[in-house]
Amino acid sequence: MTRIWVDGKLRDADGARVSVFDHGLTVGDGVFETAKVVDGRPFALTRHLDRLAASARGLGLPEPDADEVRRACAAVVEANPVPLGRLRITYTGGLSPLGSDRGDAPPTLVVAVGEIKRRPDTTAVITVPWVRNERGALTGLKTTSYAENVVALARAHRQGASEALFANTVGRLCEGTGTNVFVVLDGELHTPPLDSGCLAGITRALVLEWLGAKETDLPLDVLTRAEEVFLTSSTRDVQAVHRIDDRELPAPGPVTTEAMRVFAERSAADVDP
């Protein structure tokens, strides 16, 4: 039986309940983190908790108790042993009136884990006609307002791809629905800067630190000429792209192969870098 942490204790999945008036449900007023779990150990948990707190502050929610969240994560991972898993931490505005106003109830904390399969080394992606708003109130926050991503990802799946890539409002390359994107130009590794509107991904940050990639303002059409492209996320790690829309790329190329190798070695050596 799956065990889930809801508001202070572990509960069986069948008994885990959040109110239908929770602001996270009614208006998407919440933040979350997804961490990879390998053999019972969450990866880069400190970085994830720091970003959870930053997202909560940005949304105007009380900052979560990091010690409580750590206890919840440890309890859930211990209660649900998996060789490879997705640890999901959700923190919402809690019980509130029907509308955008928040109530006086404390925030809701839910922590759950589910088993996942190792991702393929390469994948296909598409570009979508919708854009990220790099000047929006939620820019840079990992919120539960994900309907835009649901629509874009469904379009990608219909076209035989696993991810959709967005430009921002001025036509610059931004990010995927749940990934950051890196490109290789003239043998050098680049990724969009945070002011493009992309999320400050945990894996993105580690690739920047460990491989010395450059943060570069890039037009969306860089994807038509990049020598290599790869995605990063907590559950994909570093994943090469072999097709963008109708363009086939050799994958993984030499720069991506090195990125995959370095990330695998460094992440195995330190579970909380």
Foldseek 3Di string as FASTA:
>chain_A
DQWKDKDQDIDDPVPDDADCQFCCNQPQAKFKFKFKAAQLFTFQVVVRLVQRQVLCVLSVAPRDDVVSVVVRSNVNSVVDPDRIKIKMWMKGLGRADNDDDGDPDHIMIMIHMDHDDADDQEWAEEEDPDAAELPDSNQQHRTSPQVVLVVQQVVQVVVRTRWYWHFHPVQWTEQISAWFKWFADPNAIEGADSSRRHHPAPLVVVLCVQPVHYHDTGGPCVVVPTQWMWIDHNRNNTHTYQYYRHDGHDPPDPVSVVSVVRRVVVCVVDRND
